[in-house]
């Protein structure tokens, strides 16, 4: 069964509100529904054809080799995302330098671009910059205990586990 979920983040937030550990969602015509113990919600799905299928298959994406991997706590990531409003940069450059992950909000293609660079946690190896749109960061749901970032030259993978549910975000680099 294919579900056209408009916002995984919104659905995850609704699921976190459920007072039980085990939940059952009912799939209706155009929505998911939860009703139990005086708590209920209805989450509408998109019709077929509104969301486009990715050009890459999930098998192809899973075959990518990510030479760089590091973890970020949801609190640290949330603090990082809040800094986007300060610089208002459309781009984020992530790279490894001197054994640390560096997060740089700037646009190196625009003259007189403000910038803000923040040293993150440690990383096993220095790596070349991975560039993404800052809009992509706000799409990532903060639900798990640890976010695992894996980076290749052209592709990034952010995975978050909470309970039996695992979310993976695939982000293509703006370079290469």
C-alpha atoms as a PDB file:
ATOM      1  CA  UNK A   1       0.000   0.000   0.000  1.00  0.00           C
ATOM      2  CA  UNK A   2       1.305   3.435  -0.899  1.00  0.00           C
ATOM      3  CA  UNK A   3       0.414   6.354   1.369  1.00  0.00           C
ATOM      4  CA  UNK A   4       0.909   9.871   0.014  1.00  0.00           C
ATOM      5  CA  UNK A   5       1.929  11.591   3.246  1.00  0.00           C
ATOM      6  CA  UNK A   6       2.167  15.377   2.789  1.00  0.00           C
ATOM      7  CA  UNK A   7       4.309  15.987   5.890  1.00  0.00           C
ATOM      8  CA  UNK A   8       6.082  13.191   7.714  1.00  0.00           C
ATOM      9  CA  UNK A   9       7.062  15.734  10.366  1.00  0.00           C
ATOM     10  CA  UNK A  10       3.467  16.669  11.115  1.00  0.00           C
ATOM     11  CA  UNK A  11       2.423  13.012  11.260  1.00  0.00           C
ATOM     12  CA  UNK A  12       5.334  12.198  13.584  1.00  0.00           C
ATOM     13  CA  UNK A  13       4.305  15.030  15.914  1.00  0.00           C
ATOM     14  CA  UNK A  14       0.740  13.705  16.016  1.00  0.00           C
ATOM     15  CA  UNK A  15       2.000  10.195  16.796  1.00  0.00           C
ATOM     16  CA  UNK A  16       4.158  11.552  19.634  1.00  0.00           C
ATOM     17  CA  UNK A  17       1.010  13.040  21.209  1.00  0.00           C
ATOM     18  CA  UNK A  18      -0.627   9.623  21.490  1.00  0.00           C
ATOM     19  CA  UNK A  19      -0.643   8.610  25.166  1.00  0.00           C
ATOM     20  CA  UNK A  20      -0.035   4.904  24.397  1.00  0.00           C
ATOM     21  CA  UNK A  21       3.169   3.181  23.343  1.00  0.00           C
ATOM     22  CA  UNK A  22       1.426   0.878  20.868  1.00  0.00           C
ATOM     23  CA  UNK A  23      -0.854   2.577  18.393  1.00  0.00           C
ATOM     24  CA  UNK A  24      -2.952   1.429  15.468  1.00  0.00           C
ATOM     25  CA  UNK A  25      -3.718   3.839  12.671  1.00  0.00           C
ATOM     26  CA  UNK A  26      -6.743   3.114  10.526  1.00  0.00           C
ATOM     27  CA  UNK A  27      -6.338   3.826   6.831  1.00  0.00           C
ATOM     28  CA  UNK A  28      -9.512   5.393   5.489  1.00  0.00           C
ATOM     29  CA  UNK A  29     -10.337   6.709   2.021  1.00  0.00           C
ATOM     30  CA  UNK A  30      -8.223   9.850   2.105  1.00  0.00           C
ATOM     31  CA  UNK A  31      -6.854   9.956   5.643  1.00  0.00           C
ATOM     32  CA  UNK A  32      -5.276   8.141   8.554  1.00  0.00           C
ATOM     33  CA  UNK A  33      -7.283   7.989  11.739  1.00  0.00           C
ATOM     34  CA  UNK A  34      -6.509   7.258  15.364  1.00  0.00           C
ATOM     35  CA  UNK A  35      -9.168   6.816  18.070  1.00  0.00           C
ATOM     36  CA  UNK A  36      -8.460   5.377  21.490  1.00  0.00           C
ATOM     37  CA  UNK A  37      -8.876   6.253  25.169  1.00  0.00           C
ATOM     38  CA  UNK A  38     -10.452   9.650  24.556  1.00  0.00           C
ATOM     39  CA  UNK A  39      -7.726  10.758  22.136  1.00  0.00           C
ATOM     40  CA  UNK A  40      -8.232  10.939  18.403  1.00  0.00           C
ATOM     41  CA  UNK A  41      -6.830  12.573  15.315  1.00  0.00           C
ATOM     42  CA  UNK A  42      -7.426  12.530  11.580  1.00  0.00           C
ATOM     43  CA  UNK A  43      -4.523  13.120   9.187  1.00  0.00           C
ATOM     44  CA  UNK A  44      -5.410  13.700   5.530  1.00  0.00           C
ATOM     45  CA  UNK A  45      -3.350  12.154   2.745  1.00  0.00           C
ATOM     46  CA  UNK A  46      -2.638  13.531  -0.711  1.00  0.00           C
ATOM     47  CA  UNK A  47      -4.360  11.991  -3.712  1.00  0.00           C
ATOM     48  CA  UNK A  48      -2.292   9.907  -6.111  1.00  0.00           C
ATOM     49  CA  UNK A  49      -0.314  11.996  -8.584  1.00  0.00           C
ATOM     50  CA  UNK A  50       0.219  15.022  -6.327  1.00  0.00           C
ATOM     51  CA  UNK A  51       3.482  13.743  -4.874  1.00  0.00           C
ATOM     52  CA  UNK A  52       5.976  12.747  -7.557  1.00  0.00           C
ATOM     53  CA  UNK A  53       7.973   9.560  -7.310  1.00  0.00           C
ATOM     54  CA  UNK A  54      11.696  10.027  -6.818  1.00  0.00           C
ATOM     55  CA  UNK A  55      13.883   9.511  -9.870  1.00  0.00           C
ATOM     56  CA  UNK A  56      16.167   7.209  -7.868  1.00  0.00           C
ATOM     57  CA  UNK A  57      14.946   3.911  -6.496  1.00  0.00           C
ATOM     58  CA  UNK A  58      15.269   3.185  -2.781  1.00  0.00           C
ATOM     59  CA  UNK A  59      17.552   0.252  -3.668  1.00  0.00           C
ATOM     60  CA  UNK A  60      19.909   2.599  -5.521  1.00  0.00           C
ATOM     61  CA  UNK A  61      19.905   5.080  -2.631  1.00  0.00           C
ATOM     62  CA  UNK A  62      20.639   2.308  -0.106  1.00  0.00           C
ATOM     63  CA  UNK A  63      23.630   1.225  -2.215  1.00  0.00           C
ATOM     64  CA  UNK A  64      25.377   4.606  -1.826  1.00  0.00           C
ATOM     65  CA  UNK A  65      28.619   4.528   0.129  1.00  0.00           C
ATOM     66  CA  UNK A  66      28.929   7.269   2.753  1.00  0.00           C
ATOM     67  CA  UNK A  67      32.553   7.704   3.855  1.00  0.00           C
ATOM     68  CA  UNK A  68      31.653  10.234   6.554  1.00  0.00           C
ATOM     69  CA  UNK A  69      29.287   9.616   9.450  1.00  0.00           C
ATOM     70  CA  UNK A  70      28.561  11.558  12.633  1.00  0.00           C
ATOM     71  CA  UNK A  71      25.793  11.981  15.167  1.00  0.00           C
ATOM     72  CA  UNK A  72      23.975  15.100  16.315  1.00  0.00           C
ATOM     73  CA  UNK A  73      21.557  15.341  19.224  1.00  0.00           C
ATOM     74  CA  UNK A  74      18.106  16.774  18.486  1.00  0.00           C
ATOM     75  CA  UNK A  75      18.857  19.637  20.910  1.00  0.00           C
ATOM     76  CA  UNK A  76      22.053  20.596  19.086  1.00  0.00           C
ATOM     77  CA  UNK A  77      20.323  20.339  15.706  1.00  0.00           C
ATOM     78  CA  UNK A  78      17.394  22.448  16.899  1.00  0.00           C
ATOM     79  CA  UNK A  79      19.796  25.138  18.160  1.00  0.00           C
ATOM     80  CA  UNK A  80      21.555  25.040  14.793  1.00  0.00           C
ATOM     81  CA  UNK A  81      18.325  25.430  12.808  1.00  0.00           C
ATOM     82  CA  UNK A  82      17.327  28.447  14.932  1.00  0.00           C
ATOM     83  CA  UNK A  83      20.472  30.242  13.737  1.00  0.00           C
ATOM     84  CA  UNK A  84      19.208  30.258  10.142  1.00  0.00           C
ATOM     85  CA  UNK A  85      17.042  33.280  10.965  1.00  0.00           C
ATOM     86  CA  UNK A  86      20.077  35.290  12.098  1.00  0.00           C
ATOM     87  CA  UNK A  87      21.957  35.146   8.798  1.00  0.00           C
ATOM     88  CA  UNK A  88      19.026  34.318   6.507  1.00  0.00           C
ATOM     89  CA  UNK A  89      21.335  32.386   4.246  1.00  0.00           C
ATOM     90  CA  UNK A  90      19.747  30.106   1.663  1.00  0.00           C
ATOM     91  CA  UNK A  91      22.634  27.636   1.942  1.00  0.00           C
ATOM     92  CA  UNK A  92      24.402  25.514   4.538  1.00  0.00           C
ATOM     93  CA  UNK A  93      27.929  24.232   3.995  1.00  0.00           C
ATOM     94  CA  UNK A  94      28.831  21.197   6.126  1.00  0.00           C
ATOM     95  CA  UNK A  95      32.464  20.099   6.172  1.00  0.00           C
ATOM     96  CA  UNK A  96      35.084  18.492   8.379  1.00  0.00           C
ATOM     97  CA  UNK A  97      38.015  20.537   9.608  1.00  0.00           C
ATOM     98  CA  UNK A  98      40.624  19.637  12.232  1.00  0.00           C
ATOM     99  CA  UNK A  99      38.522  16.676  13.417  1.00  0.00           C
ATOM    100  CA  UNK A 100      35.321  18.692  13.855  1.00  0.00           C
ATOM    101  CA  UNK A 101      32.114  19.085  11.893  1.00  0.00           C
ATOM    102  CA  UNK A 102      31.736  22.671  10.729  1.00  0.00           C
ATOM    103  CA  UNK A 103      28.325  24.183   9.940  1.00  0.00           C
ATOM    104  CA  UNK A 104      28.601  27.339   7.800  1.00  0.00           C
ATOM    105  CA  UNK A 105      25.543  29.413   6.953  1.00  0.00           C
ATOM    106  CA  UNK A 106      26.468  31.520   3.939  1.00  0.00           C
ATOM    107  CA  UNK A 107      26.167  31.799   0.194  1.00  0.00           C
ATOM    108  CA  UNK A 108      29.589  31.698  -1.425  1.00  0.00           C
ATOM    109  CA  UNK A 109      28.112  32.479  -4.844  1.00  0.00           C
ATOM    110  CA  UNK A 110      26.787  35.894  -3.802  1.00  0.00           C
ATOM    111  CA  UNK A 111      28.845  39.006  -3.174  1.00  0.00           C
ATOM    112  CA  UNK A 112      28.569  40.580   0.281  1.00  0.00           C
ATOM    113  CA  UNK A 113      26.936  37.505   1.778  1.00  0.00           C
ATOM    114  CA  UNK A 114      26.838  37.414   5.576  1.00  0.00           C
ATOM    115  CA  UNK A 115      28.128  34.224   7.144  1.00  0.00           C
ATOM    116  CA  UNK A 116      28.041  32.325  10.405  1.00  0.00           C
ATOM    117  CA  UNK A 117      30.188  29.244  11.043  1.00  0.00           C
ATOM    118  CA  UNK A 118      29.665  26.981  14.035  1.00  0.00           C
ATOM    119  CA  UNK A 119      31.930  24.189  15.224  1.00  0.00           C
ATOM    120  CA  UNK A 120      29.967  21.018  15.857  1.00  0.00           C
ATOM    121  CA  UNK A 121      30.972  17.701  17.335  1.00  0.00           C
ATOM    122  CA  UNK A 122      33.971  15.600  16.532  1.00  0.00           C
ATOM    123  CA  UNK A 123      34.292  13.585  13.354  1.00  0.00           C
ATOM    124  CA  UNK A 124      36.731  10.787  12.518  1.00  0.00           C
ATOM    125  CA  UNK A 125      37.911  12.316   9.260  1.00  0.00           C
ATOM    126  CA  UNK A 126      37.961  15.723   7.629  1.00  0.00           C
ATOM    127  CA  UNK A 127      35.687  15.867   4.601  1.00  0.00           C
ATOM    128  CA  UNK A 128      34.938  18.200   1.709  1.00  0.00           C
ATOM    129  CA  UNK A 129      31.996  20.520   1.969  1.00  0.00           C
ATOM    130  CA  UNK A 130      28.497  19.274   1.439  1.00  0.00           C
ATOM    131  CA  UNK A 131      26.157  22.089   0.378  1.00  0.00           C
ATOM    132  CA  UNK A 132      22.414  22.055   0.914  1.00  0.00           C
ATOM    133  CA  UNK A 133      19.574  24.541   1.053  1.00  0.00           C
ATOM    134  CA  UNK A 134      18.715  25.697   4.548  1.00  0.00           C
ATOM    135  CA  UNK A 135      15.057  24.984   3.716  1.00  0.00           C
ATOM    136  CA  UNK A 136      15.947  21.283   3.796  1.00  0.00           C
ATOM    137  CA  UNK A 137      16.886  21.558   7.473  1.00  0.00           C
ATOM    138  CA  UNK A 138      13.459  22.741   8.524  1.00  0.00           C
ATOM    139  CA  UNK A 139      11.911  19.646   6.906  1.00  0.00           C
ATOM    140  CA  UNK A 140      13.816  17.289   9.178  1.00  0.00           C
ATOM    141  CA  UNK A 141      11.713  16.035  12.070  1.00  0.00           C
ATOM    142  CA  UNK A 142      13.275  15.991  15.512  1.00  0.00           C
ATOM    143  CA  UNK A 143      11.823  12.918  17.162  1.00  0.00           C
ATOM    144  CA  UNK A 144      14.618  10.537  18.077  1.00  0.00           C
ATOM    145  CA  UNK A 145      17.459  10.401  20.537  1.00  0.00           C
ATOM    146  CA  UNK A 146      20.237  10.855  17.997  1.00  0.00           C
ATOM    147  CA  UNK A 147      20.356  11.973  14.395  1.00  0.00           C
ATOM    148  CA  UNK A 148      22.888  10.129  12.234  1.00  0.00           C
ATOM    149  CA  UNK A 149      24.346  12.140   9.370  1.00  0.00           C
ATOM    150  CA  UNK A 150      26.089  10.261   6.584  1.00  0.00           C
ATOM    151  CA  UNK A 151      27.721  12.225   3.809  1.00  0.00           C
ATOM    152  CA  UNK A 152      29.057  11.319   0.385  1.00  0.00           C
ATOM    153  CA  UNK A 153      30.289  13.751  -2.264  1.00  0.00           C
ATOM    154  CA  UNK A 154      26.882  14.259  -3.850  1.00  0.00           C
ATOM    155  CA  UNK A 155      24.385  12.937  -1.338  1.00  0.00           C
ATOM    156  CA  UNK A 156      23.594  13.184   2.351  1.00  0.00           C
ATOM    157  CA  UNK A 157      21.526  10.854   4.477  1.00  0.00           C
ATOM    158  CA  UNK A 158      20.002  11.873   7.802  1.00  0.00           C
ATOM    159  CA  UNK A 159      18.418   9.037   9.734  1.00  0.00           C
ATOM    160  CA  UNK A 160      16.404   9.282  12.925  1.00  0.00           C
ATOM    161  CA  UNK A 161      15.029   6.347  14.901  1.00  0.00           C
ATOM    162  CA  UNK A 162      12.275   6.606  17.441  1.00  0.00           C
ATOM    163  CA  UNK A 163      10.651   3.443  18.632  1.00  0.00           C
ATOM    164  CA  UNK A 164       9.984   1.065  15.780  1.00  0.00           C
ATOM    165  CA  UNK A 165       9.831   3.892  13.260  1.00  0.00           C
ATOM    166  CA  UNK A 166      12.893   5.014  11.336  1.00  0.00           C
ATOM    167  CA  UNK A 167      12.937   8.147   9.183  1.00  0.00           C
ATOM    168  CA  UNK A 168      15.568   8.696   6.513  1.00  0.00           C
ATOM    169  CA  UNK A 169      16.035  11.983   4.726  1.00  0.00           C
ATOM    170  CA  UNK A 170      18.047  11.937   1.503  1.00  0.00           C
ATOM    171  CA  UNK A 171      19.486  15.320   0.552  1.00  0.00           C
ATOM    172  CA  UNK A 172      21.403  15.956  -2.645  1.00  0.00           C
ATOM    173  CA  UNK A 173      24.371  18.314  -2.544  1.00  0.00           C
ATOM    174  CA  UNK A 174      24.117  21.528  -4.546  1.00  0.00           C
ATOM    175  CA  UNK A 175      27.587  20.923  -5.963  1.00  0.00           C
ATOM    176  CA  UNK A 176      29.073  18.304  -8.300  1.00  0.00           C
END
